[in-house]
Amino acid sequence: GLCEKHKFALLQTYNYHEIVAGKGFPISRKVFIYEVCQAKTASLMLTTNPEFSIFMPCKIALYEMDGKTIISTMNMEIVLKAVEQNSELYAEAISLFNTLKTLIHSLATSN
């Protein structure tokens, strides 16, 4: 699939609309969260900046709004800024973020 093509492992998928409905709070829109990971970057980040493990793995959200499907992810700029002194990690993290944006674009343009 698209994840493998962009060198991401798909770790977990959540059907959030089903999860909240199961807790007694049904919603009318569908919301999917996908957790993806690039092991090399994750390894570097956890070795040098474990405080950023809260941002891991990368999440992609798909949800319906006004008849459209919206695809979003978190903005990694704050993490990137914080690790720019570590040139190897910074390069890997920039590459990951750009690849993540490419993956999202691929998802947006695929049927």
PDB file of N, CA and C in Angstrom:
ATOM      1  N   GLY A   1       0.797  -1.199   0.000  1.00  0.00           N
ATOM      2  CA  GLY A   1       0.000   0.000   0.000  1.00  0.00           C
ATOM      3  C   GLY A   1       0.837   1.259   0.000  1.00  0.00           C
ATOM      4  N   LEU A   2       0.161   2.370   0.197  1.00  0.00           N
ATOM      5  CA  LEU A   2       0.827   3.677   0.180  1.00  0.00           C
ATOM      6  C   LEU A   2       1.835   3.832   1.315  1.00  0.00           C
ATOM      7  N   CYS A   3       1.545   3.257   2.480  1.00  0.00           N
ATOM      8  CA  CYS A   3       2.482   3.383   3.609  1.00  0.00           C
ATOM      9  C   CYS A   3       3.831   2.768   3.264  1.00  0.00           C
ATOM     10  N   GLU A   4       3.794   1.538   2.756  1.00  0.00           N
ATOM     11  CA  GLU A   4       5.035   0.839   2.420  1.00  0.00           C
ATOM     12  C   GLU A   4       5.803   1.599   1.340  1.00  0.00           C
ATOM     13  N   LYS A   5       5.072   2.102   0.349  1.00  0.00           N
ATOM     14  CA  LYS A   5       5.692   2.850  -0.748  1.00  0.00           C
ATOM     15  C   LYS A   5       6.480   4.042  -0.212  1.00  0.00           C
ATOM     16  N   HIS A   6       5.987   4.657   0.847  1.00  0.00           N
ATOM     17  CA  HIS A   6       6.642   5.829   1.434  1.00  0.00           C
ATOM     18  C   HIS A   6       7.470   5.461   2.671  1.00  0.00           C
ATOM     19  N   LYS A   7       7.742   4.163   2.824  1.00  0.00           N
ATOM     20  CA  LYS A   7       8.600   3.649   3.905  1.00  0.00           C
ATOM     21  C   LYS A   7       8.077   3.922   5.315  1.00  0.00           C
ATOM     22  N   PHE A   8       6.772   3.889   5.461  1.00  0.00           N
ATOM     23  CA  PHE A   8       6.164   3.964   6.787  1.00  0.00           C
ATOM     24  C   PHE A   8       5.560   2.609   7.136  1.00  0.00           C
ATOM     25  N   ALA A   9       5.661   2.237   8.393  1.00  0.00           N
ATOM     26  CA  ALA A   9       4.946   1.067   8.880  1.00  0.00           C
ATOM     27  C   ALA A   9       3.637   1.566   9.496  1.00  0.00           C
ATOM     28  N   LEU A  10       2.529   0.922   9.152  1.00  0.00           N
ATOM     29  CA  LEU A  10       1.237   1.258   9.759  1.00  0.00           C
ATOM     30  C   LEU A  10       1.131   0.456  11.045  1.00  0.00           C
ATOM     31  N   LEU A  11       1.157   1.148  12.182  1.00  0.00           N
ATOM     32  CA  LEU A  11       1.164   0.474  13.477  1.00  0.00           C
ATOM     33  C   LEU A  11      -0.238   0.195  13.991  1.00  0.00           C
ATOM     34  N   GLN A  12      -1.121   1.147  13.818  1.00  0.00           N
ATOM     35  CA  GLN A  12      -2.443   1.044  14.448  1.00  0.00           C
ATOM     36  C   GLN A  12      -3.454   1.870  13.672  1.00  0.00           C
ATOM     37  N   THR A  13      -4.677   1.385  13.638  1.00  0.00           N
ATOM     38  CA  THR A  13      -5.785   2.119  13.021  1.00  0.00           C
ATOM     39  C   THR A  13      -6.907   2.219  14.048  1.00  0.00           C
ATOM     40  N   TYR A  14      -7.444   3.415  14.209  1.00  0.00           N
ATOM     41  CA  TYR A  14      -8.563   3.615  15.123  1.00  0.00           C
ATOM     42  C   TYR A  14      -9.768   4.132  14.349  1.00  0.00           C
ATOM     43  N   ASN A  15     -10.908   3.491  14.515  1.00  0.00           N
ATOM     44  CA  ASN A  15     -12.178   4.006  13.991  1.00  0.00           C
ATOM     45  C   ASN A  15     -12.810   4.777  15.157  1.00  0.00           C
ATOM     46  N   TYR A  16     -12.464   6.048  15.252  1.00  0.00           N
ATOM     47  CA  TYR A  16     -12.843   6.816  16.436  1.00  0.00           C
ATOM     48  C   TYR A  16     -14.345   6.960  16.606  1.00  0.00           C
ATOM     49  N   HIS A  17     -15.081   7.068  15.492  1.00  0.00           N
ATOM     50  CA  HIS A  17     -16.537   7.174  15.577  1.00  0.00           C
ATOM     51  C   HIS A  17     -17.128   5.924  16.231  1.00  0.00           C
ATOM     52  N   GLU A  18     -16.519   4.761  15.983  1.00  0.00           N
ATOM     53  CA  GLU A  18     -16.997   3.519  16.618  1.00  0.00           C
ATOM     54  C   GLU A  18     -16.587   3.466  18.088  1.00  0.00           C
ATOM     55  N   ILE A  19     -15.389   3.957  18.394  1.00  0.00           N
ATOM     56  CA  ILE A  19     -14.907   3.942  19.785  1.00  0.00           C
ATOM     57  C   ILE A  19     -15.808   4.798  20.672  1.00  0.00           C
ATOM     58  N   VAL A  20     -16.102   6.043  20.246  1.00  0.00           N
ATOM     59  CA  VAL A  20     -16.939   6.906  21.090  1.00  0.00           C
ATOM     60  C   VAL A  20     -18.385   6.412  21.128  1.00  0.00           C
ATOM     61  N   ALA A  21     -18.849   5.848  20.015  1.00  0.00           N
ATOM     62  CA  ALA A  21     -20.210   5.277  20.000  1.00  0.00           C
ATOM     63  C   ALA A  21     -20.299   4.121  20.991  1.00  0.00           C
ATOM     64  N   GLY A  22     -19.231   3.321  21.052  1.00  0.00           N
ATOM     65  CA  GLY A  22     -19.180   2.199  21.982  1.00  0.00           C
ATOM     66  C   GLY A  22     -19.188   2.624  23.439  1.00  0.00           C
ATOM     67  N   LYS A  23     -18.795   3.876  23.696  1.00  0.00           N
ATOM     68  CA  LYS A  23     -18.799   4.417  25.063  1.00  0.00           C
ATOM     69  C   LYS A  23     -20.092   5.183  25.334  1.00  0.00           C
ATOM     70  N   GLY A  24     -21.031   5.127  24.388  1.00  0.00           N
ATOM     71  CA  GLY A  24     -22.318   5.774  24.592  1.00  0.00           C
ATOM     72  C   GLY A  24     -22.415   7.188  24.053  1.00  0.00           C
ATOM     73  N   PHE A  25     -21.451   7.584  23.207  1.00  0.00           N
ATOM     74  CA  PHE A  25     -21.468   8.941  22.647  1.00  0.00           C
ATOM     75  C   PHE A  25     -21.354   8.890  21.119  1.00  0.00           C
ATOM     76  N   PRO A  26     -22.427   8.444  20.447  1.00  0.00           N
ATOM     77  CA  PRO A  26     -22.351   8.351  18.986  1.00  0.00           C
ATOM     78  C   PRO A  26     -22.211   9.731  18.332  1.00  0.00           C
ATOM     79  N   ILE A  27     -21.447   9.778  17.241  1.00  0.00           N
ATOM     80  CA  ILE A  27     -21.316  11.007  16.461  1.00  0.00           C
ATOM     81  C   ILE A  27     -21.704  10.684  15.022  1.00  0.00           C
ATOM     82  N   SER A  28     -22.054  11.712  14.269  1.00  0.00           N
ATOM     83  CA  SER A  28     -22.548  11.466  12.915  1.00  0.00           C
ATOM     84  C   SER A  28     -21.427  11.355  11.887  1.00  0.00           C
ATOM     85  N   ARG A  29     -20.233  11.879  12.171  1.00  0.00           N
ATOM     86  CA  ARG A  29     -19.160  11.808  11.179  1.00  0.00           C
ATOM     87  C   ARG A  29     -18.239  10.633  11.455  1.00  0.00           C
ATOM     88  N   LYS A  30     -17.615  10.146  10.410  1.00  0.00           N
ATOM     89  CA  LYS A  30     -16.609   9.104  10.560  1.00  0.00           C
ATOM     90  C   LYS A  30     -15.247   9.770  10.768  1.00  0.00           C
ATOM     91  N   VAL A  31     -14.486   9.248  11.725  1.00  0.00           N
ATOM     92  CA  VAL A  31     -13.155   9.770  12.028  1.00  0.00           C
ATOM     93  C   VAL A  31     -12.207   8.577  12.182  1.00  0.00           C
ATOM     94  N   PHE A  32     -11.182   8.548  11.333  1.00  0.00           N
ATOM     95  CA  PHE A  32     -10.181   7.486  11.385  1.00  0.00           C
ATOM     96  C   PHE A  32      -8.836   8.096  11.755  1.00  0.00           C
ATOM     97  N   ILE A  33      -8.100   7.408  12.662  1.00  0.00           N
ATOM     98  CA  ILE A  33      -6.752   7.831  13.011  1.00  0.00           C
ATOM     99  C   ILE A  33      -5.818   6.675  12.660  1.00  0.00           C
ATOM    100  N   TYR A  34      -4.754   7.000  11.931  1.00  0.00           N
ATOM    101  CA  TYR A  34      -3.746   6.005  11.561  1.00  0.00           C
ATOM    102  C   TYR A  34      -2.433   6.402  12.208  1.00  0.00           C
ATOM    103  N   GLU A  35      -1.791   5.447  12.883  1.00  0.00           N
ATOM    104  CA  GLU A  35      -0.485   5.696  13.482  1.00  0.00           C
ATOM    105  C   GLU A  35       0.566   5.041  12.598  1.00  0.00           C
ATOM    106  N   VAL A  36       1.515   5.865  12.113  1.00  0.00           N
ATOM    107  CA  VAL A  36       2.557   5.360  11.235  1.00  0.00           C
ATOM    108  C   VAL A  36       3.931   5.671  11.824  1.00  0.00           C
ATOM    109  N   CYS A  37       4.931   4.893  11.394  1.00  0.00           N
ATOM    110  CA  CYS A  37       6.260   5.009  11.989  1.00  0.00           C
ATOM    111  C   CYS A  37       7.345   4.729  10.959  1.00  0.00           C
ATOM    112  N   GLN A  38       8.441   5.471  11.042  1.00  0.00           N
ATOM    113  CA  GLN A  38       9.675   5.115  10.342  1.00  0.00           C
ATOM    114  C   GLN A  38      10.674   4.755  11.444  1.00  0.00           C
ATOM    115  N   ALA A  39      11.029   3.482  11.518  1.00  0.00           N
ATOM    116  CA  ALA A  39      11.815   2.965  12.643  1.00  0.00           C
ATOM    117  C   ALA A  39      13.160   3.671  12.833  1.00  0.00           C
ATOM    118  N   LYS A  40      13.848   3.995  11.743  1.00  0.00           N
ATOM    119  CA  LYS A  40      15.171   4.628  11.876  1.00  0.00           C
ATOM    120  C   LYS A  40      15.059   5.977  12.573  1.00  0.00           C
ATOM    121  N   THR A  41      14.116   6.805  12.119  1.00  0.00           N
ATOM    122  CA  THR A  41      13.933   8.122  12.730  1.00  0.00           C
ATOM    123  C   THR A  41      13.462   7.984  14.174  1.00  0.00           C
ATOM    124  N   ALA A  42      12.558   7.041  14.406  1.00  0.00           N
ATOM    125  CA  ALA A  42      12.058   6.800  15.771  1.00  0.00           C
ATOM    126  C   ALA A  42      13.203   6.419  16.695  1.00  0.00           C
ATOM    127  N   SER A  43      14.087   5.564  16.222  1.00  0.00           N
ATOM    128  CA  SER A  43      15.228   5.116  17.007  1.00  0.00           C
ATOM    129  C   SER A  43      16.142   6.287  17.370  1.00  0.00           C
ATOM    130  N   LEU A  44      16.443   7.145  16.388  1.00  0.00           N
ATOM    131  CA  LEU A  44      17.281   8.327  16.651  1.00  0.00           C
ATOM    132  C   LEU A  44      16.611   9.266  17.644  1.00  0.00           C
ATOM    133  N   MET A  45      15.319   9.503  17.451  1.00  0.00           N
ATOM    134  CA  MET A  45      14.584  10.419  18.320  1.00  0.00           C
ATOM    135  C   MET A  45      14.545   9.894  19.756  1.00  0.00           C
ATOM    136  N   LEU A  46      14.276   8.607  19.919  1.00  0.00           N
ATOM    137  CA  LEU A  46      14.187   8.038  21.260  1.00  0.00           C
ATOM    138  C   LEU A  46      15.544   7.962  21.941  1.00  0.00           C
ATOM    139  N   THR A  47      16.611   7.873  21.142  1.00  0.00           N
ATOM    140  CA  THR A  47      17.968   7.824  21.691  1.00  0.00           C
ATOM    141  C   THR A  47      18.381   9.195  22.223  1.00  0.00           C
ATOM    142  N   THR A  48      18.080  10.247  21.446  1.00  0.00           N
ATOM    143  CA  THR A  48      18.588  11.574  21.809  1.00  0.00           C
ATOM    144  C   THR A  48      17.560  12.498  22.444  1.00  0.00           C
ATOM    145  N   ASN A  49      16.286  12.350  22.067  1.00  0.00           N
ATOM    146  CA  ASN A  49      15.247  13.264  22.565  1.00  0.00           C
ATOM    147  C   ASN A  49      13.999  12.506  23.002  1.00  0.00           C
ATOM    148  N   PRO A  50      14.121  11.682  24.040  1.00  0.00           N
ATOM    149  CA  PRO A  50      12.967  10.878  24.455  1.00  0.00           C
ATOM    150  C   PRO A  50      11.758  11.712  24.880  1.00  0.00           C
ATOM    151  N   GLU A  51      11.995  13.013  25.199  1.00  0.00           N
ATOM    152  CA  GLU A  51      10.866  13.878  25.583  1.00  0.00           C
ATOM    153  C   GLU A  51       9.879  14.055  24.430  1.00  0.00           C
ATOM    154  N   PHE A  52      10.328  13.779  23.201  1.00  0.00           N
ATOM    155  CA  PHE A  52       9.422  13.916  22.059  1.00  0.00           C
ATOM    156  C   PHE A  52       8.661  12.628  21.749  1.00  0.00           C
ATOM    157  N   SER A  53       8.821  11.628  22.612  1.00  0.00           N
ATOM    158  CA  SER A  53       8.079  10.386  22.383  1.00  0.00           C
ATOM    159  C   SER A  53       6.574  10.630  22.435  1.00  0.00           C
ATOM    160  N   ILE A  54       6.155  11.721  23.068  1.00  0.00           N
ATOM    161  CA  ILE A  54       4.734  12.079  23.109  1.00  0.00           C
ATOM    162  C   ILE A  54       4.175  12.333  21.707  1.00  0.00           C
ATOM    163  N   PHE A  55       5.039  12.733  20.775  1.00  0.00           N
ATOM    164  CA  PHE A  55       4.607  12.998  19.403  1.00  0.00           C
ATOM    165  C   PHE A  55       4.657  11.737  18.534  1.00  0.00           C
ATOM    166  N   MET A  56       5.022  10.614  19.134  1.00  0.00           N
ATOM    167  CA  MET A  56       5.221   9.398  18.356  1.00  0.00           C
ATOM    168  C   MET A  56       4.147   8.380  18.688  1.00  0.00           C
ATOM    169  N   PRO A  57       3.785   7.515  17.775  1.00  0.00           N
ATOM    170  CA  PRO A  57       4.172   7.585  16.373  1.00  0.00           C
ATOM    171  C   PRO A  57       3.439   8.732  15.660  1.00  0.00           C
ATOM    172  N   CYS A  58       3.789   8.972  14.403  1.00  0.00           N
ATOM    173  CA  CYS A  58       3.110  10.019  13.634  1.00  0.00           C
ATOM    174  C   CYS A  58       1.657   9.604  13.419  1.00  0.00           C
ATOM    175  N   LYS A  59       0.774  10.553  13.545  1.00  0.00           N
ATOM    176  CA  LYS A  59      -0.650  10.261  13.353  1.00  0.00           C
ATOM    177  C   LYS A  59      -1.183  10.974  12.127  1.00  0.00           C
ATOM    178  N   ILE A  60      -2.017  10.257  11.384  1.00  0.00           N
ATOM    179  CA  ILE A  60      -2.732  10.836  10.246  1.00  0.00           C
ATOM    180  C   ILE A  60      -4.210  10.686  10.564  1.00  0.00           C
ATOM    181  N   ALA A  61      -4.959  11.772  10.443  1.00  0.00           N
ATOM    182  CA  ALA A  61      -6.400  11.729  10.700  1.00  0.00           C
ATOM    183  C   ALA A  61      -7.158  11.897   9.388  1.00  0.00           C
ATOM    184  N   LEU A  62      -8.196  11.097   9.219  1.00  0.00           N
ATOM    185  CA  LEU A  62      -9.130  11.247   8.105  1.00  0.00           C
ATOM    186  C   LEU A  62     -10.504  11.434   8.713  1.00  0.00           C
ATOM    187  N   TYR A  63     -11.204  12.488   8.301  1.00  0.00           N
ATOM    188  CA  TYR A  63     -12.546  12.692   8.805  1.00  0.00           C
ATOM    189  C   TYR A  63     -13.391  13.393   7.761  1.00  0.00           C
ATOM    190  N   GLU A  64     -14.694  13.294   7.964  1.00  0.00           N
ATOM    191  CA  GLU A  64     -15.634  13.917   7.041  1.00  0.00           C
ATOM    192  C   GLU A  64     -16.038  15.278   7.572  1.00  0.00           C
ATOM    193  N   MET A  65     -16.080  16.270   6.685  1.00  0.00           N
ATOM    194  CA  MET A  65     -16.568  17.586   7.063  1.00  0.00           C
ATOM    195  C   MET A  65     -17.175  18.256   5.839  1.00  0.00           C
ATOM    196  N   ASP A  66     -18.415  18.688   5.972  1.00  0.00           N
ATOM    197  CA  ASP A  66     -19.133  19.379   4.891  1.00  0.00           C
ATOM    198  C   ASP A  66     -19.085  18.596   3.575  1.00  0.00           C
ATOM    199  N   GLY A  67     -19.268  17.274   3.677  1.00  0.00           N
ATOM    200  CA  GLY A  67     -19.318  16.439   2.483  1.00  0.00           C
ATOM    201  C   GLY A  67     -17.961  16.142   1.867  1.00  0.00           C
ATOM    202  N   LYS A  68     -16.901  16.585   2.514  1.00  0.00           N
ATOM    203  CA  LYS A  68     -15.550  16.320   2.011  1.00  0.00           C
ATOM    204  C   LYS A  68     -14.798  15.441   3.003  1.00  0.00           C
ATOM    205  N   THR A  69     -13.774  14.756   2.514  1.00  0.00           N
ATOM    206  CA  THR A  69     -12.887  14.000   3.385  1.00  0.00           C
ATOM    207  C   THR A  69     -11.646  14.849   3.638  1.00  0.00           C
ATOM    208  N   ILE A  70     -11.367  15.109   4.906  1.00  0.00           N
ATOM    209  CA  ILE A  70     -10.213  15.916   5.304  1.00  0.00           C
ATOM    210  C   ILE A  70      -9.115  14.973   5.792  1.00  0.00           C
ATOM    211  N   ILE A  71      -7.879  15.227   5.359  1.00  0.00           N
ATOM    212  CA  ILE A  71      -6.734  14.446   5.819  1.00  0.00           C
ATOM    213  C   ILE A  71      -5.783  15.424   6.501  1.00  0.00           C
ATOM    214  N   SER A  72      -5.370  15.115   7.719  1.00  0.00           N
ATOM    215  CA  SER A  72      -4.472  16.033   8.417  1.00  0.00           C
ATOM    216  C   SER A  72      -3.451  15.265   9.252  1.00  0.00           C
ATOM    217  N   THR A  73      -2.404  15.976   9.629  1.00  0.00           N
ATOM    218  CA  THR A  73      -1.413  15.443  10.556  1.00  0.00           C
ATOM    219  C   THR A  73      -0.936  16.593  11.416  1.00  0.00           C
ATOM    220  N   MET A  74      -0.167  16.275  12.463  1.00  0.00           N
ATOM    221  CA  MET A  74       0.326  17.348  13.313  1.00  0.00           C
ATOM    222  C   MET A  74       1.461  18.080  12.610  1.00  0.00           C
ATOM    223  N   ASN A  75       1.646  19.321  12.966  1.00  0.00           N
ATOM    224  CA  ASN A  75       2.737  20.108  12.429  1.00  0.00           C
ATOM    225  C   ASN A  75       3.986  19.788  13.253  1.00  0.00           C
ATOM    226  N   MET A  76       4.973  19.204  12.609  1.00  0.00           N
ATOM    227  CA  MET A  76       6.187  18.782  13.319  1.00  0.00           C
ATOM    228  C   MET A  76       7.229  19.890  13.453  1.00  0.00           C
ATOM    229  N   GLU A  77       6.889  21.106  13.019  1.00  0.00           N
ATOM    230  CA  GLU A  77       7.879  22.189  13.024  1.00  0.00           C
ATOM    231  C   GLU A  77       8.489  22.414  14.410  1.00  0.00           C
ATOM    232  N   ILE A  78       7.674  22.330  15.460  1.00  0.00           N
ATOM    233  CA  ILE A  78       8.181  22.578  16.822  1.00  0.00           C
ATOM    234  C   ILE A  78       9.222  21.526  17.216  1.00  0.00           C
ATOM    235  N   VAL A  79       8.979  20.279  16.842  1.00  0.00           N
ATOM    236  CA  VAL A  79       9.927  19.204  17.142  1.00  0.00           C
ATOM    237  C   VAL A  79      11.191  19.399  16.308  1.00  0.00           C
ATOM    238  N   LEU A  80      11.005  19.704  15.024  1.00  0.00           N
ATOM    239  CA  LEU A  80      12.149  19.905  14.126  1.00  0.00           C
ATOM    240  C   LEU A  80      13.063  21.014  14.639  1.00  0.00           C
ATOM    241  N   LYS A  81      12.447  22.116  15.060  1.00  0.00           N
ATOM    242  CA  LYS A  81      13.213  23.264  15.569  1.00  0.00           C
ATOM    243  C   LYS A  81      14.053  22.842  16.782  1.00  0.00           C
ATOM    244  N   ALA A  82      13.472  22.035  17.628  1.00  0.00           N
ATOM    245  CA  ALA A  82      14.130  21.645  18.874  1.00  0.00           C
ATOM    246  C   ALA A  82      15.300  20.685  18.660  1.00  0.00           C
ATOM    247  N   VAL A  83      15.300  19.953  17.546  1.00  0.00           N
ATOM    248  CA  VAL A  83      16.371  18.966  17.339  1.00  0.00           C
ATOM    249  C   VAL A  83      17.364  19.389  16.253  1.00  0.00           C
ATOM    250  N   GLU A  84      17.279  20.648  15.775  1.00  0.00           N
ATOM    251  CA  GLU A  84      18.126  21.034  14.641  1.00  0.00           C
ATOM    252  C   GLU A  84      19.625  21.048  14.954  1.00  0.00           C
ATOM    253  N   GLN A  85      19.995  21.081  16.240  1.00  0.00           N
ATOM    254  CA  GLN A  85      21.424  21.000  16.605  1.00  0.00           C
ATOM    255  C   GLN A  85      22.001  19.614  16.301  1.00  0.00           C
ATOM    256  N   ASN A  86      21.136  18.591  16.316  1.00  0.00           N
ATOM    257  CA  ASN A  86      21.562  17.225  16.022  1.00  0.00           C
ATOM    258  C   ASN A  86      21.356  16.997  14.523  1.00  0.00           C
ATOM    259  N   SER A  87      22.442  17.199  13.745  1.00  0.00           N
ATOM    260  CA  SER A  87      22.288  17.225  12.287  1.00  0.00           C
ATOM    261  C   SER A  87      21.726  15.933  11.702  1.00  0.00           C
ATOM    262  N   GLU A  88      22.131  14.777  12.238  1.00  0.00           N
ATOM    263  CA  GLU A  88      21.623  13.505  11.701  1.00  0.00           C
ATOM    264  C   GLU A  88      20.129  13.361  11.974  1.00  0.00           C
ATOM    265  N   LEU A  89      19.742  13.597  13.219  1.00  0.00           N
ATOM    266  CA  LEU A  89      18.329  13.488  13.589  1.00  0.00           C
ATOM    267  C   LEU A  89      17.497  14.523  12.832  1.00  0.00           C
ATOM    268  N   TYR A  90      18.007  15.746  12.731  1.00  0.00           N
ATOM    269  CA  TYR A  90      17.281  16.816  12.039  1.00  0.00           C
ATOM    270  C   TYR A  90      17.030  16.438  10.579  1.00  0.00           C
ATOM    271  N   ALA A  91      18.064  15.935   9.921  1.00  0.00           N
ATOM    272  CA  ALA A  91      17.927  15.518   8.519  1.00  0.00           C
ATOM    273  C   ALA A  91      16.903  14.397   8.382  1.00  0.00           C
ATOM    274  N   GLU A  92      16.967  13.425   9.278  1.00  0.00           N
ATOM    275  CA  GLU A  92      16.016  12.307   9.253  1.00  0.00           C
ATOM    276  C   GLU A  92      14.586  12.800   9.517  1.00  0.00           C
ATOM    277  N   ALA A  93      14.448  13.695  10.498  1.00  0.00           N
ATOM    278  CA  ALA A  93      13.117  14.187  10.876  1.00  0.00           C
ATOM    279  C   ALA A  93      12.510  15.045   9.767  1.00  0.00           C
ATOM    280  N   ILE A  94      13.334  15.882   9.120  1.00  0.00           N
ATOM    281  CA  ILE A  94      12.861  16.692   7.986  1.00  0.00           C
ATOM    282  C   ILE A  94      12.404  15.767   6.863  1.00  0.00           C
ATOM    283  N   SER A  95      13.224  14.755   6.585  1.00  0.00           N
ATOM    284  CA  SER A  95      12.907  13.783   5.537  1.00  0.00           C
ATOM    285  C   SER A  95      11.589  13.065   5.857  1.00  0.00           C
ATOM    286  N   LEU A  96      11.439  12.645   7.125  1.00  0.00           N
ATOM    287  CA  LEU A  96      10.212  11.968   7.537  1.00  0.00           C
ATOM    288  C   LEU A  96       9.000  12.878   7.350  1.00  0.00           C
ATOM    289  N   PHE A  97       9.104  14.131   7.800  1.00  0.00           N
ATOM    290  CA  PHE A  97       7.977  15.057   7.712  1.00  0.00           C
ATOM    291  C   PHE A  97       7.595  15.307   6.251  1.00  0.00           C
ATOM    292  N   ASN A  98       8.615  15.491   5.391  1.00  0.00           N
ATOM    293  CA  ASN A  98       8.332  15.693   3.969  1.00  0.00           C
ATOM    294  C   ASN A  98       7.692  14.461   3.348  1.00  0.00           C
ATOM    295  N   THR A  99       8.179  13.277   3.746  1.00  0.00           N
ATOM    296  CA  THR A  99       7.605  12.027   3.239  1.00  0.00           C
ATOM    297  C   THR A  99       6.175  11.861   3.733  1.00  0.00           C
ATOM    298  N   LEU A 100       5.945  12.240   4.991  1.00  0.00           N
ATOM    299  CA  LEU A 100       4.590  12.169   5.550  1.00  0.00           C
ATOM    300  C   LEU A 100       3.646  13.070   4.759  1.00  0.00           C
ATOM    301  N   LYS A 101       4.109  14.268   4.410  1.00  0.00           N
ATOM    302  CA  LYS A 101       3.286  15.183   3.613  1.00  0.00           C
ATOM    303  C   LYS A 101       3.021  14.596   2.220  1.00  0.00           C
ATOM    304  N   THR A 102       4.027  13.928   1.642  1.00  0.00           N
ATOM    305  CA  THR A 102       3.861  13.270   0.341  1.00  0.00           C
ATOM    306  C   THR A 102       2.843  12.133   0.447  1.00  0.00           C
ATOM    307  N   LEU A 103       2.938  11.361   1.540  1.00  0.00           N
ATOM    308  CA  LEU A 103       1.986  10.270   1.778  1.00  0.00           C
ATOM    309  C   LEU A 103       0.568  10.815   1.876  1.00  0.00           C
ATOM    310  N   ILE A 104       0.395  11.901   2.605  1.00  0.00           N
ATOM    311  CA  ILE A 104      -0.934  12.508   2.751  1.00  0.00           C
ATOM    312  C   ILE A 104      -1.454  12.996   1.399  1.00  0.00           C
ATOM    313  N   HIS A 105      -0.559  13.588   0.617  1.00  0.00           N
ATOM    314  CA  HIS A 105      -0.957  14.032  -0.732  1.00  0.00           C
ATOM    315  C   HIS A 105      -1.375  12.826  -1.580  1.00  0.00           C
ATOM    316  N   SER A 106      -0.625  11.733  -1.471  1.00  0.00           N
ATOM    317  CA  SER A 106      -0.961  10.501  -2.202  1.00  0.00           C
ATOM    318  C   SER A 106      -2.336   9.978  -1.784  1.00  0.00           C
ATOM    319  N   LEU A 107      -2.601  10.003  -0.482  1.00  0.00           N
ATOM    320  CA  LEU A 107      -3.901   9.558   0.026  1.00  0.00           C
ATOM    321  C   LEU A 107      -5.011  10.455  -0.514  1.00  0.00           C
ATOM    322  N   ALA A 108      -4.733  11.753  -0.566  1.00  0.00           N
ATOM    323  CA  ALA A 108      -5.736  12.733  -1.005  1.00  0.00           C
ATOM    324  C   ALA A 108      -6.066  12.574  -2.492  1.00  0.00           C
ATOM    325  N   THR A 109      -5.093  12.124  -3.274  1.00  0.00           N
ATOM    326  CA  THR A 109      -5.325  12.062  -4.709  1.00  0.00           C
ATOM    327  C   THR A 109      -5.632  10.654  -5.206  1.00  0.00           C
ATOM    328  N   SER A 110      -5.564   9.647  -4.298  1.00  0.00           N
ATOM    329  CA  SER A 110      -5.920   8.286  -4.710  1.00  0.00           C
ATOM    330  C   SER A 110      -7.416   8.066  -4.530  1.00  0.00           C
ATOM    331  N   ASN A 111      -7.939   7.077  -5.216  1.00  0.00           N
ATOM    332  CA  ASN A 111      -9.384   6.824  -5.106  1.00  0.00           C
ATOM    333  C   ASN A 111      -9.671   5.822  -4.000  1.00  0.00           C
TER     334      ASN A 111
END
